[in-house]
Amino acid sequence: MERVFQSLQLSHSQIEQACRQLFKNSGTLQNFEILSGGAVNTTFKMRWDDESYVLRFYVRDKSFAFVEKQIYQLIQKTVPVPELLFASSGNKEYPFAIFRFCKKPHIYEISIDHSHKLSYDLGQALAKIHSFRFQRAGLFKRDLSIGTLFEEGSSPYLEYCLDHLIPNSKAWMRFGDAKAEQIIRFIEEYREYFPVIRNGGCLVHSDFKPVNLLWNEEDGLTVLDWEFAHSGDGIMDFGILLRHYQDFPLNILYLEKGYKENGGVLAPNWIQRARITDFINIIQLLNTPSERPKLFQDLIRSIDYSMSYWDHLQDKLSLGDCVA
């Protein structure tokens, strides 16, 4: 993962001062270290007395601290998430939250021997996430009301792609003229595969990828980092996950089974729908100002894969266990 923002450089006393808002006069900060993974916020693993915790500062946008807090209050009894112990909005520089540390490996560390169970659990978790419905679709405000509205009957993910992959945009220049024009033609040809907003939206994690997913055989899945969540179409979460299909042991059939057996509904061509909907994320990332060459190469390869194997995506990803 290549960072968008530099990590906050905080002293022992600054970390301890933040944690005192939860622990008051009890205990002492023993040590802390920056956790890898986040691209826009700064997250520390810290040890307070004999217990480990996660301290997360919201660097990119302070409002996401409020959104994530509201999301946790909504879903924590249904969706497997870390325990949120404290959320502060009064910090002068950056709001922060403290979570109980989850002692599980990321899914990219899991053996292929566990692909069936892991994939089923991923599908089950997505079904639980998408079970939360909202009367309107769009981007959340602090209280989970809708700020930026996705109009009924609109196709916002398609519209974003067409509005932001334009000549002289950073995404266009990073693709190059020929490939950018090819992608536009592809999007136009298969535009009906993009979701259309009907009857509001469901909760979408919007960052459902291996760095945010912890798992073990005994306790199952834990889903991290909800700051990008919105009300929309859940196929986006599948698109993000499938972009990383070579980074962890994935079995498509068990992923689908876990989703459907827990109340989720998928169209017969859901893999194609997922892959093309993920174009919005790829274009958005390629439009960022900072240079992130490894990430950009991976994103361009992903979009090439979708276009090259479009008519055979279901077969290629359903042949068994997918792992790098």
Protein backbone atom coordinates (compact mmCIF):
# COMPACT_ATOMS: atom_id res chain seq x y z
CA MET A 1 0.00 0.00 0.00
CA GLU A 2 1.44 3.37 -1.02
CA ARG A 3 0.53 6.28 1.21
CA VAL A 4 -1.32 9.39 0.05
CA PHE A 5 -0.47 11.37 3.19
CA GLN A 6 2.61 11.32 5.40
CA SER A 7 2.14 9.60 8.74
CA LEU A 8 1.74 11.79 11.79
CA GLN A 9 4.91 11.90 13.84
CA LEU A 10 3.80 11.91 17.47
CA SER A 11 5.78 11.66 20.69
CA HIS A 12 5.24 9.25 23.56
CA SER A 13 3.66 12.03 25.62
CA GLN A 14 1.28 13.03 22.80
CA ILE A 15 0.09 9.43 22.37
CA GLU A 16 -0.34 9.07 26.11
CA GLN A 17 -2.25 12.34 26.36
CA ALA A 18 -4.71 11.19 23.71
CA CYS A 19 -5.22 7.83 25.41
CA ARG A 20 -5.87 9.46 28.78
CA GLN A 21 -9.24 10.57 27.43
CA LEU A 22 -10.25 6.89 27.57
CA PHE A 23 -8.14 5.53 30.42
CA LYS A 24 -8.23 8.66 32.65
CA ASN A 25 -5.77 8.23 35.54
CA SER A 26 -5.53 4.47 35.21
CA GLY A 27 -2.51 2.73 33.69
CA THR A 28 0.49 3.78 31.61
CA LEU A 29 1.47 3.79 27.96
CA GLN A 30 4.17 1.14 27.57
CA ASN A 31 5.06 1.49 23.88
CA PHE A 32 3.60 2.24 20.45
CA GLU A 33 4.35 1.76 16.76
CA ILE A 34 2.80 2.84 13.47
CA LEU A 35 0.71 0.13 11.82
CA SER A 36 1.13 -0.34 8.08
CA GLY A 37 -1.89 -0.47 5.80
CA GLY A 38 -3.66 2.88 5.87
CA ALA A 39 -3.04 5.25 2.99
CA VAL A 40 -4.70 8.41 4.31
CA ASN A 41 -4.85 8.17 8.12
CA THR A 42 -2.27 7.39 10.80
CA THR A 43 -2.88 4.29 12.89
CA PHE A 44 -0.82 3.21 15.87
CA LYS A 45 -0.69 -0.07 17.70
CA MET A 46 -0.05 0.77 21.32
CA ARG A 47 0.27 -1.14 24.56
CA TRP A 48 -1.41 0.26 27.64
CA ASP A 49 -0.40 -1.71 30.72
CA ASP A 50 -0.81 -5.35 29.62
CA GLU A 51 -3.33 -4.84 26.80
CA SER A 52 -2.91 -3.85 23.14
CA TYR A 53 -5.07 -1.26 21.41
CA VAL A 54 -5.31 0.57 18.09
CA LEU A 55 -5.22 4.37 18.06
CA ARG A 56 -6.36 5.93 14.81
CA PHE A 57 -6.03 9.60 13.83
CA TYR A 58 -8.22 10.86 10.96
CA VAL A 59 -5.84 12.90 8.87
CA ARG A 60 -7.45 13.30 5.46
CA ASP A 61 -10.91 14.52 6.46
CA LYS A 62 -12.08 15.07 10.03
CA SER A 63 -15.71 14.35 9.11
CA PHE A 64 -14.86 10.69 8.45
CA ALA A 65 -14.32 10.23 12.18
CA PHE A 66 -17.98 11.04 12.75
CA VAL A 67 -19.12 8.81 9.89
CA GLU A 68 -17.14 5.83 11.12
CA LYS A 69 -18.44 6.26 14.67
CA GLN A 70 -22.03 6.26 13.42
CA ILE A 71 -21.36 3.22 11.24
CA TYR A 72 -19.99 1.28 14.22
CA GLN A 73 -23.02 2.14 16.33
CA LEU A 74 -25.27 0.88 13.54
CA ILE A 75 -23.57 -2.39 12.64
CA GLN A 76 -21.42 -3.63 15.51
CA LYS A 77 -23.99 -6.19 16.71
CA THR A 78 -24.37 -7.67 13.22
CA VAL A 79 -21.11 -7.24 11.30
CA PRO A 80 -17.77 -8.55 12.67
CA VAL A 81 -15.80 -5.39 13.50
CA PRO A 82 -13.19 -4.50 16.14
CA GLU A 83 -14.58 -3.17 19.40
CA LEU A 84 -14.69 0.64 19.31
CA LEU A 85 -13.80 1.84 22.81
CA PHE A 86 -13.55 5.60 22.37
CA ALA A 87 -14.11 8.23 19.67
CA SER A 88 -12.97 11.82 20.15
CA SER A 89 -14.11 14.75 18.04
CA GLY A 90 -12.60 17.44 20.25
CA ASN A 91 -8.95 17.03 19.32
CA LYS A 92 -7.65 20.37 18.01
CA GLU A 93 -5.56 18.86 15.24
CA TYR A 94 -7.17 15.56 14.28
CA PRO A 95 -10.05 13.53 15.74
CA PHE A 96 -9.13 10.00 16.78
CA ALA A 97 -10.60 6.68 17.85
CA ILE A 98 -9.35 3.85 20.05
CA PHE A 99 -10.17 0.23 19.23
CA ARG A 100 -9.37 -3.02 20.96
CA PHE A 101 -6.53 -4.69 19.05
CA CYS A 102 -7.66 -7.71 17.01
CA LYS A 103 -5.09 -10.53 17.06
CA LYS A 104 -5.78 -12.04 13.65
CA PRO A 105 -3.73 -12.21 10.45
CA HIS A 106 -4.74 -10.36 7.31
CA ILE A 107 -6.38 -12.54 4.68
CA TYR A 108 -3.31 -12.27 2.42
CA GLU A 109 -1.42 -14.27 5.09
CA ILE A 110 -3.89 -17.17 5.03
CA SER A 111 -2.97 -20.55 3.52
CA ILE A 112 -4.77 -21.75 0.40
CA ASP A 113 -5.90 -24.74 2.49
CA HIS A 114 -8.44 -22.41 4.12
CA SER A 115 -9.76 -20.86 0.90
CA HIS A 116 -13.25 -22.42 1.10
CA LYS A 117 -13.96 -21.32 4.68
CA LEU A 118 -12.36 -17.90 4.20
CA SER A 119 -14.28 -17.25 0.98
CA TYR A 120 -17.57 -18.32 2.56
CA ASP A 121 -16.94 -15.99 5.51
CA LEU A 122 -16.20 -13.10 3.15
CA GLY A 123 -19.49 -13.69 1.37
CA GLN A 124 -21.34 -13.96 4.67
CA ALA A 125 -19.86 -10.69 5.93
CA LEU A 126 -20.81 -8.87 2.73
CA ALA A 127 -24.37 -10.17 3.02
CA LYS A 128 -24.58 -8.78 6.56
CA ILE A 129 -23.13 -5.42 5.49
CA HIS A 130 -25.49 -5.09 2.54
CA SER A 131 -28.50 -6.01 4.69
CA PHE A 132 -28.52 -2.47 6.09
CA ARG A 133 -30.80 -0.40 3.88
CA PHE A 134 -31.30 3.35 3.51
CA GLN A 135 -34.23 5.18 1.95
CA ARG A 136 -31.87 7.22 -0.21
CA ALA A 137 -28.52 6.48 -1.82
CA GLY A 138 -25.50 8.74 -1.74
CA LEU A 139 -22.56 9.89 0.36
CA PHE A 140 -23.06 10.14 4.10
CA LYS A 141 -22.97 13.25 6.21
CA ARG A 142 -21.76 13.02 9.80
CA ASP A 143 -25.07 11.66 11.10
CA LEU A 144 -25.46 9.15 8.21
CA SER A 145 -28.05 11.30 6.50
CA ILE A 146 -27.32 11.73 2.80
CA GLY A 147 -25.20 14.68 1.79
CA THR A 148 -24.44 14.01 -1.88
CA LEU A 149 -27.57 12.34 -3.27
CA PHE A 150 -27.59 9.60 -5.92
CA GLU A 151 -30.82 10.31 -7.78
CA GLU A 152 -33.37 7.54 -8.20
CA GLY A 153 -32.90 5.97 -11.63
CA SER A 154 -29.38 7.35 -12.02
CA SER A 155 -26.20 5.34 -12.56
CA PRO A 156 -23.72 7.29 -10.40
CA TYR A 157 -20.76 4.91 -10.77
CA LEU A 158 -21.06 5.04 -14.57
CA GLU A 159 -21.51 8.81 -14.53
CA TYR A 160 -18.41 9.25 -12.37
CA CYS A 161 -16.29 7.24 -14.80
CA LEU A 162 -17.44 9.25 -17.81
CA ASP A 163 -17.12 12.58 -15.99
CA HIS A 164 -13.61 11.93 -14.65
CA LEU A 165 -11.88 9.97 -17.39
CA ILE A 166 -11.54 12.92 -19.73
CA PRO A 167 -8.69 14.32 -21.84
CA ASN A 168 -5.96 16.03 -19.78
CA SER A 169 -7.13 14.43 -16.53
CA LYS A 170 -4.39 12.64 -14.61
CA ALA A 171 -6.13 9.30 -15.15
CA TRP A 172 -6.26 9.92 -18.91
CA MET A 173 -2.58 10.84 -19.06
CA ARG A 174 -1.57 7.81 -16.97
CA PHE A 175 -3.53 5.48 -19.23
CA GLY A 176 -2.30 7.18 -22.38
CA ASP A 177 -4.58 8.38 -25.20
CA ALA A 178 -5.08 5.05 -26.92
CA LYS A 179 -5.92 3.06 -23.79
CA ALA A 180 -8.09 5.84 -22.31
CA GLU A 181 -10.12 5.98 -25.53
CA GLN A 182 -10.41 2.16 -25.49
CA ILE A 183 -11.71 2.25 -21.90
CA ILE A 184 -14.31 4.91 -22.76
CA ARG A 185 -15.55 2.80 -25.69
CA PHE A 186 -15.68 -0.27 -23.41
CA ILE A 187 -17.65 1.59 -20.73
CA GLU A 188 -20.12 2.89 -23.31
CA GLU A 189 -20.56 -0.56 -24.86
CA TYR A 190 -21.24 -2.27 -21.53
CA ARG A 191 -22.87 0.61 -19.66
CA GLU A 192 -25.90 -1.54 -18.76
CA TYR A 193 -23.66 -3.56 -16.42
CA PHE A 194 -23.23 -0.57 -14.10
CA PRO A 195 -25.69 -0.41 -11.18
CA VAL A 196 -28.74 1.83 -11.39
CA ILE A 197 -30.13 3.27 -8.17
CA ARG A 198 -33.52 1.76 -7.31
CA ASN A 199 -35.39 2.05 -4.00
CA GLY A 200 -32.61 3.74 -2.06
CA GLY A 201 -29.35 2.00 -1.28
CA CYS A 202 -27.61 -0.49 0.95
CA LEU A 203 -24.58 0.01 3.14
CA VAL A 204 -21.41 -0.28 1.06
CA HIS A 205 -18.03 -0.62 2.79
CA SER A 206 -16.25 0.88 -0.25
CA ASP A 207 -12.77 -0.36 0.75
CA PHE A 208 -13.33 -4.12 1.06
CA LYS A 209 -9.79 -5.32 0.32
CA PRO A 210 -7.23 -7.59 2.05
CA VAL A 211 -5.51 -4.85 4.06
CA ASN A 212 -8.85 -4.18 5.80
CA LEU A 213 -9.81 -7.84 6.36
CA LEU A 214 -8.57 -10.03 9.22
CA TRP A 215 -9.41 -13.73 9.58
CA ASN A 216 -8.71 -16.92 11.46
CA GLU A 217 -10.41 -20.30 11.33
CA GLU A 218 -11.69 -20.18 14.90
CA ASP A 219 -13.27 -16.71 14.99
CA GLY A 220 -13.84 -15.91 11.32
CA LEU A 221 -13.61 -12.45 9.78
CA THR A 222 -13.06 -8.96 11.16
CA VAL A 223 -13.69 -5.95 8.90
CA LEU A 224 -11.69 -2.76 9.46
CA ASP A 225 -11.83 0.88 8.31
CA TRP A 226 -15.32 2.15 7.48
CA GLU A 227 -14.54 5.78 6.69
CA PHE A 228 -15.38 5.45 2.97
CA ALA A 229 -18.74 3.74 3.56
CA HIS A 230 -21.76 5.07 1.68
CA SER A 231 -25.29 4.14 0.69
CA GLY A 232 -25.30 2.63 -2.79
CA ASP A 233 -25.00 -0.72 -4.55
CA GLY A 234 -23.14 -3.56 -2.83
CA ILE A 235 -21.66 -4.85 -6.07
CA MET A 236 -18.93 -2.25 -5.57
CA ASP A 237 -17.59 -4.20 -2.59
CA PHE A 238 -17.33 -7.33 -4.74
CA GLY A 239 -15.50 -5.33 -7.41
CA ILE A 240 -12.86 -4.10 -4.98
CA LEU A 241 -12.40 -7.58 -3.51
CA LEU A 242 -12.09 -9.23 -6.94
CA ARG A 243 -9.48 -6.69 -8.02
CA HIS A 244 -7.28 -8.28 -5.33
CA TYR A 245 -8.17 -11.87 -6.23
CA GLN A 246 -4.51 -12.88 -6.60
CA ASP A 247 -3.51 -11.48 -3.21
CA PHE A 248 -5.34 -14.01 -1.02
CA PRO A 249 -6.79 -17.54 -1.33
CA LEU A 250 -10.17 -16.94 -2.97
CA ASN A 251 -12.73 -19.47 -4.11
CA ILE A 252 -15.45 -17.71 -6.11
CA LEU A 253 -18.01 -20.48 -5.66
CA TYR A 254 -17.74 -20.36 -1.86
CA LEU A 255 -17.77 -16.55 -1.86
CA GLU A 256 -21.05 -16.63 -3.79
CA LYS A 257 -22.42 -19.39 -1.56
CA GLY A 258 -21.62 -17.47 1.63
CA TYR A 259 -23.38 -14.41 0.26
CA LYS A 260 -26.52 -16.11 -1.00
CA GLU A 261 -26.99 -18.41 2.00
CA ASN A 262 -26.99 -15.36 4.26
CA GLY A 263 -29.61 -13.37 2.42
CA GLY A 264 -27.62 -11.75 -0.37
CA VAL A 265 -28.86 -11.64 -3.96
CA LEU A 266 -26.54 -11.74 -6.98
CA ALA A 267 -27.33 -11.45 -10.68
CA PRO A 268 -26.10 -14.29 -12.95
CA ASN A 269 -23.49 -11.93 -14.46
CA TRP A 270 -22.44 -10.48 -11.11
CA ILE A 271 -18.71 -10.95 -11.71
CA GLN A 272 -18.80 -8.78 -14.83
CA ARG A 273 -20.94 -6.23 -13.00
CA ALA A 274 -18.47 -6.19 -10.11
CA ARG A 275 -15.40 -5.80 -12.31
CA ILE A 276 -16.80 -2.93 -14.38
CA THR A 277 -18.21 -1.12 -11.35
CA ASP A 278 -14.69 -1.16 -9.90
CA PHE A 279 -13.63 1.08 -12.80
CA ILE A 280 -14.85 4.02 -10.68
CA ASN A 281 -12.28 3.21 -7.98
CA ILE A 282 -9.48 2.70 -10.50
CA ILE A 283 -10.20 6.00 -12.26
CA GLN A 284 -10.48 7.82 -8.95
CA LEU A 285 -7.13 6.46 -7.74
CA LEU A 286 -5.43 7.26 -11.04
CA ASN A 287 -6.68 10.84 -10.77
CA THR A 288 -4.88 11.47 -7.47
CA PRO A 289 -2.07 14.04 -7.70
CA SER A 290 0.70 12.02 -6.02
CA GLU A 291 2.82 9.63 -8.06
CA ARG A 292 2.33 6.01 -6.95
CA PRO A 293 3.85 3.98 -9.79
CA LYS A 294 3.46 0.46 -8.38
CA LEU A 295 -0.17 1.02 -7.46
CA PHE A 296 -0.90 2.64 -10.83
CA GLN A 297 0.63 -0.29 -12.72
CA ASP A 298 -1.55 -2.71 -10.75
CA LEU A 299 -4.67 -0.65 -11.43
CA ILE A 300 -4.02 -0.49 -15.15
CA ARG A 301 -3.39 -4.25 -15.25
CA SER A 302 -6.70 -4.82 -13.48
CA ILE A 303 -8.67 -2.79 -15.99
CA ASP A 304 -6.84 -4.53 -18.85
CA TYR A 305 -7.76 -7.91 -17.36
CA SER A 306 -11.44 -7.00 -17.22
CA MET A 307 -11.50 -5.85 -20.83
CA SER A 308 -9.38 -8.69 -22.20
CA TYR A 309 -11.31 -11.51 -20.53
CA TRP A 310 -14.73 -9.87 -20.38
CA ASP A 311 -16.62 -12.76 -21.97
CA HIS A 312 -14.79 -15.35 -19.85
CA LEU A 313 -14.50 -13.67 -16.43
CA GLN A 314 -16.98 -16.03 -14.83
CA ASP A 315 -15.06 -19.07 -16.06
CA LYS A 316 -11.58 -17.72 -15.28
CA LEU A 317 -12.47 -16.82 -11.70
CA SER A 318 -14.55 -19.93 -11.04
CA LEU A 319 -11.95 -22.56 -11.93
CA GLY A 320 -11.14 -23.19 -8.28
CA ASP A 321 -8.84 -21.52 -5.86
CA CYS A 322 -7.38 -18.21 -7.03
CA VAL A 323 -4.11 -17.32 -5.37
CA ALA A 324 -0.92 -15.59 -6.47
